[in-house]
């Protein structure tokens, strides 16, 4: 992979105050594209879509993907999978996004296997609408999807119950490892299903702590050897917390390591 991406959530503490400056710094560090979040009600990071697009375009950072909520716990919010999804799709198309990614399932919507099956139906419907606008759809995992419910693994249900051509997976390597799973086995079991990755490292001595890429225990050289099996198109460096210095420097440090491998 010759191009590098980051998840904007990493720099959430500064980007809303200075989007142009933050993107400029990360472009200079070597990042080519990004995945955004906070995208509802016709706004991106609290800013009207047209305004945000102008700043992003000027930065030369390509917007490839956006994290979105299901909306099941916030029915009054527009531009979610359960409330005026077309609005989100139209705004994403205006921004030039290639993917919309469900970022998370609230606790209340993932208590039973039947709920996971209903979520899968929602994903299929949402992905169909995306496809009509030339946008792809994916789901981003955490660790809870790998905890058995009634003898079944929810992540397996999501893979089985969703249309493999329509619903892809964004594999978060940290959370897969946190759940004591092997990402290589997951990739090999469903080849081509994982076009997006989240690249964030795990502390050597504490599973609960994220680290800059290269400063933790995950063997990135080994994982990237399976990029073709995964069908990898884009990866996004992310670090939610535990920055060595600050959020921006965390991304700068991580890309320096990735460039070496």
Protein backbone atom coordinates (compact mmCIF):
# COMPACT_ATOMS: atom_id res chain seq x y z
CA UNK A 1 0.00 0.00 0.00
CA UNK A 2 1.48 3.32 -1.07
CA UNK A 3 -1.24 5.62 0.20
CA UNK A 4 -2.09 6.28 3.83
CA UNK A 5 -5.33 7.18 5.57
CA UNK A 6 -6.47 8.21 9.04
CA UNK A 7 -9.71 8.22 11.02
CA UNK A 8 -10.61 11.79 11.95
CA UNK A 9 -11.97 10.64 15.33
CA UNK A 10 -8.33 10.46 16.48
CA UNK A 11 -8.01 14.25 16.28
CA UNK A 12 -11.53 15.06 17.45
CA UNK A 13 -10.12 17.35 20.16
CA UNK A 14 -8.68 19.79 17.61
CA UNK A 15 -10.28 19.35 14.21
CA UNK A 16 -13.56 21.11 15.01
CA UNK A 17 -11.60 24.14 16.19
CA UNK A 18 -9.30 24.20 13.17
CA UNK A 19 -10.21 21.79 10.39
CA UNK A 20 -8.07 23.45 7.73
CA UNK A 21 -4.95 23.58 9.90
CA UNK A 22 -5.33 20.03 11.20
CA UNK A 23 -5.79 18.57 7.72
CA UNK A 24 -2.86 20.61 6.40
CA UNK A 25 -0.57 19.22 9.10
CA UNK A 26 -1.62 15.63 8.41
CA UNK A 27 -1.30 16.06 4.66
CA UNK A 28 2.25 17.31 5.23
CA UNK A 29 2.92 14.22 7.39
CA UNK A 30 2.07 12.03 4.41
CA UNK A 31 -1.61 11.18 4.75
CA UNK A 32 -3.54 10.99 1.48
CA UNK A 33 -7.09 10.28 2.59
CA UNK A 34 -9.34 10.15 5.64
CA UNK A 35 -12.44 8.66 7.18
CA UNK A 36 -14.73 11.16 8.89
CA UNK A 37 -17.41 10.89 11.60
CA UNK A 38 -20.09 13.07 13.22
CA UNK A 39 -22.29 13.09 10.13
CA UNK A 40 -26.03 13.75 10.60
CA UNK A 41 -28.61 16.45 9.95
CA UNK A 42 -26.83 17.65 6.82
CA UNK A 43 -23.65 18.45 8.72
CA UNK A 44 -20.15 17.03 8.97
CA UNK A 45 -18.31 17.73 12.23
CA UNK A 46 -21.01 20.26 13.03
CA UNK A 47 -20.40 22.17 9.81
CA UNK A 48 -22.77 22.40 6.80
CA UNK A 49 -21.70 19.86 4.19
CA UNK A 50 -20.85 22.46 1.55
CA UNK A 51 -18.55 24.34 3.92
CA UNK A 52 -16.84 21.18 5.10
CA UNK A 53 -16.36 20.00 1.52
CA UNK A 54 -14.63 23.25 0.56
CA UNK A 55 -12.13 22.92 3.42
CA UNK A 56 -11.47 19.23 2.76
CA UNK A 57 -11.02 19.79 -0.97
CA UNK A 58 -8.56 22.62 -0.33
CA UNK A 59 -6.50 20.37 1.97
CA UNK A 60 -5.96 17.80 -0.82
CA UNK A 61 -6.95 15.10 1.68
CA UNK A 62 -9.44 12.78 -0.02
CA UNK A 63 -12.58 11.90 1.91
CA UNK A 64 -13.01 8.16 1.32
CA UNK A 65 -15.35 7.05 4.07
CA UNK A 66 -17.69 8.37 6.75
CA UNK A 67 -18.86 6.72 9.96
CA UNK A 68 -22.61 6.83 10.50
CA UNK A 69 -25.03 5.75 13.28
CA UNK A 70 -27.99 3.41 12.89
CA UNK A 71 -30.11 6.07 14.57
CA UNK A 72 -32.27 3.58 16.45
CA UNK A 73 -31.60 5.35 19.74
CA UNK A 74 -32.09 8.86 18.33
CA UNK A 75 -35.15 8.90 16.12
CA UNK A 76 -35.28 12.70 15.90
CA UNK A 77 -31.87 12.88 14.21
CA UNK A 78 -32.09 13.07 10.43
CA UNK A 79 -29.69 11.34 8.07
CA UNK A 80 -29.39 7.99 9.86
CA UNK A 81 -30.21 4.47 8.73
CA UNK A 82 -33.66 4.62 10.30
CA UNK A 83 -34.52 8.26 9.59
CA UNK A 84 -34.11 9.83 6.14
CA UNK A 85 -31.14 7.68 5.14
CA UNK A 86 -31.35 9.08 1.63
CA UNK A 87 -30.29 12.45 3.00
CA UNK A 88 -27.08 10.94 4.39
CA UNK A 89 -26.42 9.13 1.11
CA UNK A 90 -26.97 12.30 -0.93
CA UNK A 91 -24.69 14.32 1.36
CA UNK A 92 -22.03 11.60 1.22
CA UNK A 93 -22.19 11.63 -2.57
CA UNK A 94 -21.74 15.40 -2.56
CA UNK A 95 -18.66 14.97 -0.36
CA UNK A 96 -17.24 12.37 -2.74
CA UNK A 97 -17.32 9.52 -0.21
CA UNK A 98 -16.86 5.98 -1.46
CA UNK A 99 -18.07 4.30 1.74
CA UNK A 100 -20.61 4.84 4.48
CA UNK A 101 -19.77 2.73 7.52
CA UNK A 102 -21.97 1.85 10.47
CA UNK A 103 -19.66 2.73 13.33
CA UNK A 104 -21.32 1.10 16.31
CA UNK A 105 -24.33 -0.73 17.68
CA UNK A 106 -25.80 0.62 20.90
CA UNK A 107 -26.14 -1.86 23.72
CA UNK A 108 -29.93 -1.89 23.49
CA UNK A 109 -29.90 -3.06 19.85
CA UNK A 110 -27.50 -6.01 20.29
CA UNK A 111 -28.74 -8.08 23.20
CA UNK A 112 -30.05 -11.06 21.24
CA UNK A 113 -29.27 -13.01 18.06
CA UNK A 114 -32.65 -11.95 16.68
CA UNK A 115 -31.61 -8.32 17.10
CA UNK A 116 -28.44 -9.00 15.13
CA UNK A 117 -30.58 -10.52 12.39
CA UNK A 118 -32.77 -7.41 12.33
CA UNK A 119 -29.67 -5.22 12.20
CA UNK A 120 -28.48 -7.31 9.26
CA UNK A 121 -31.74 -6.58 7.45
CA UNK A 122 -31.25 -2.88 8.15
CA UNK A 123 -27.72 -3.09 6.74
CA UNK A 124 -28.96 -4.79 3.58
CA UNK A 125 -31.64 -2.14 3.02
CA UNK A 126 -29.21 0.69 3.74
CA UNK A 127 -26.61 -0.80 1.41
CA UNK A 128 -29.16 -1.10 -1.42
CA UNK A 129 -29.88 2.62 -1.17
CA UNK A 130 -26.16 3.38 -1.09
CA UNK A 131 -25.56 1.30 -4.21
CA UNK A 132 -28.07 3.34 -6.22
CA UNK A 133 -25.91 6.41 -5.57
CA UNK A 134 -22.63 4.63 -6.30
CA UNK A 135 -21.62 4.38 -2.64
CA UNK A 136 -20.58 1.23 -0.78
CA UNK A 137 -21.62 0.22 2.72
CA UNK A 138 -19.68 -1.46 5.53
CA UNK A 139 -19.81 -2.27 9.23
CA UNK A 140 -17.07 -1.46 11.75
CA UNK A 141 -16.54 -3.94 14.57
CA UNK A 142 -15.59 -3.52 18.19
CA UNK A 143 -15.08 -6.47 20.57
CA UNK A 144 -18.67 -7.20 21.62
CA UNK A 145 -19.55 -8.85 18.29
CA UNK A 146 -17.26 -11.75 19.16
CA UNK A 147 -18.88 -12.55 22.51
CA UNK A 148 -21.21 -15.52 22.14
CA UNK A 149 -24.95 -15.17 22.61
CA UNK A 150 -26.85 -18.45 22.96
CA UNK A 151 -23.89 -20.34 21.59
CA UNK A 152 -23.57 -18.16 18.48
CA UNK A 153 -21.03 -15.48 17.58
CA UNK A 154 -22.79 -12.25 16.55
CA UNK A 155 -20.05 -11.33 14.07
CA UNK A 156 -20.69 -14.60 12.26
CA UNK A 157 -24.40 -13.74 12.15
CA UNK A 158 -23.65 -10.35 10.58
CA UNK A 159 -21.45 -11.97 7.93
CA UNK A 160 -24.01 -14.68 7.19
CA UNK A 161 -27.19 -12.60 7.24
CA UNK A 162 -25.94 -9.69 5.15
CA UNK A 163 -25.44 -9.73 1.38
CA UNK A 164 -21.71 -10.22 0.81
CA UNK A 165 -21.85 -8.14 -2.38
CA UNK A 166 -23.57 -5.23 -0.66
CA UNK A 167 -22.34 -5.19 2.93
CA UNK A 168 -18.60 -5.19 3.51
CA UNK A 169 -16.69 -5.14 6.79
CA UNK A 170 -14.28 -2.60 8.20
CA UNK A 171 -11.94 -4.74 10.29
CA UNK A 172 -10.67 -2.95 13.39
CA UNK A 173 -7.46 -4.80 14.19
CA UNK A 174 -7.19 -3.52 17.75
CA UNK A 175 -10.69 -4.62 18.72
CA UNK A 176 -10.28 -7.99 17.00
CA UNK A 177 -7.18 -8.63 19.09
CA UNK A 178 -8.90 -7.25 22.21
CA UNK A 179 -11.57 -9.91 21.69
CA UNK A 180 -8.82 -12.57 21.53
CA UNK A 181 -9.52 -13.26 17.87
CA UNK A 182 -7.09 -13.85 15.02
CA UNK A 183 -7.65 -11.30 12.22
CA UNK A 184 -5.86 -13.49 9.68
CA UNK A 185 -8.28 -16.37 10.29
CA UNK A 186 -11.22 -13.97 9.99
CA UNK A 187 -9.88 -12.68 6.67
CA UNK A 188 -9.22 -16.13 5.27
CA UNK A 189 -12.68 -17.36 6.24
CA UNK A 190 -14.43 -14.61 4.23
CA UNK A 191 -11.92 -13.51 1.61
CA UNK A 192 -12.62 -10.22 -0.10
CA UNK A 193 -15.10 -9.05 2.53
CA UNK A 194 -12.74 -6.63 4.34
CA UNK A 195 -11.89 -3.69 2.05
CA UNK A 196 -11.44 -1.29 4.99
CA UNK A 197 -9.21 -1.66 8.04
CA UNK A 198 -8.66 0.34 11.20
CA UNK A 199 -4.98 0.31 12.05
CA UNK A 200 -4.27 0.97 15.72
CA UNK A 201 -1.85 -0.77 18.01
CA UNK A 202 -2.23 -2.44 21.39
CA UNK A 203 -0.01 -1.76 24.39
CA UNK A 204 2.57 -4.41 25.19
CA UNK A 205 1.42 -4.69 28.80
CA UNK A 206 -2.21 -3.57 28.89
CA UNK A 207 -4.85 -4.73 26.39
CA UNK A 208 -7.04 -1.77 27.30
CA UNK A 209 -4.53 0.80 26.11
CA UNK A 210 -4.08 1.82 22.48
CA UNK A 211 -0.64 2.79 21.25
CA UNK A 212 0.92 4.50 18.25
CA UNK A 213 1.42 2.03 15.38
CA UNK A 214 4.76 0.32 15.88
CA UNK A 215 4.84 0.97 19.62
CA UNK A 216 2.60 -1.98 20.46
CA UNK A 217 2.33 -5.72 20.05
CA UNK A 218 0.53 -6.08 16.70
CA UNK A 219 2.66 -7.39 13.82
CA UNK A 220 1.63 -5.02 11.03
CA UNK A 221 4.04 -6.42 8.47
CA UNK A 222 2.42 -9.82 8.91
CA UNK A 223 -1.12 -8.45 8.67
CA UNK A 224 -0.48 -6.36 5.57
CA UNK A 225 0.77 -9.50 3.83
CA UNK A 226 -2.91 -10.52 3.75
CA UNK A 227 -4.16 -7.31 2.13
CA UNK A 228 -5.14 -9.05 -1.11
CA UNK A 229 -6.96 -11.85 0.70
CA UNK A 230 -8.91 -9.20 2.59
CA UNK A 231 -9.69 -7.23 -0.55
CA UNK A 232 -8.15 -4.21 1.17
CA UNK A 233 -8.82 -0.87 -0.50
CA UNK A 234 -8.21 1.66 2.29
CA UNK A 235 -6.85 1.57 5.82
CA UNK A 236 -7.28 4.26 8.44
CA UNK A 237 -4.80 4.85 11.25
CA UNK A 238 -6.67 5.54 14.46
CA UNK A 239 -5.89 6.02 18.12
CA UNK A 240 -8.82 6.85 20.35
CA UNK A 241 -6.76 7.72 23.42
CA UNK A 242 -3.50 7.21 25.33
CA UNK A 243 -1.51 9.42 22.97
CA UNK A 244 2.21 9.61 23.74
CA UNK A 245 2.15 13.39 23.17
CA UNK A 246 -1.07 14.59 21.54
CA UNK A 247 -3.61 13.36 18.99
CA UNK A 248 -2.01 14.91 15.91
CA UNK A 249 1.49 13.77 16.84
CA UNK A 250 0.11 10.28 17.42
CA UNK A 251 -0.91 10.07 13.74
CA UNK A 252 2.44 11.53 12.66
CA UNK A 253 4.33 8.91 14.67
CA UNK A 254 2.18 6.07 13.35
CA UNK A 255 2.64 6.95 9.68
CA UNK A 256 6.40 7.11 10.12
CA UNK A 257 6.38 3.47 11.23
CA UNK A 258 4.00 2.36 8.49
CA UNK A 259 6.13 3.95 5.81
CA UNK A 260 9.06 1.79 6.94
CA UNK A 261 7.14 -1.44 6.42
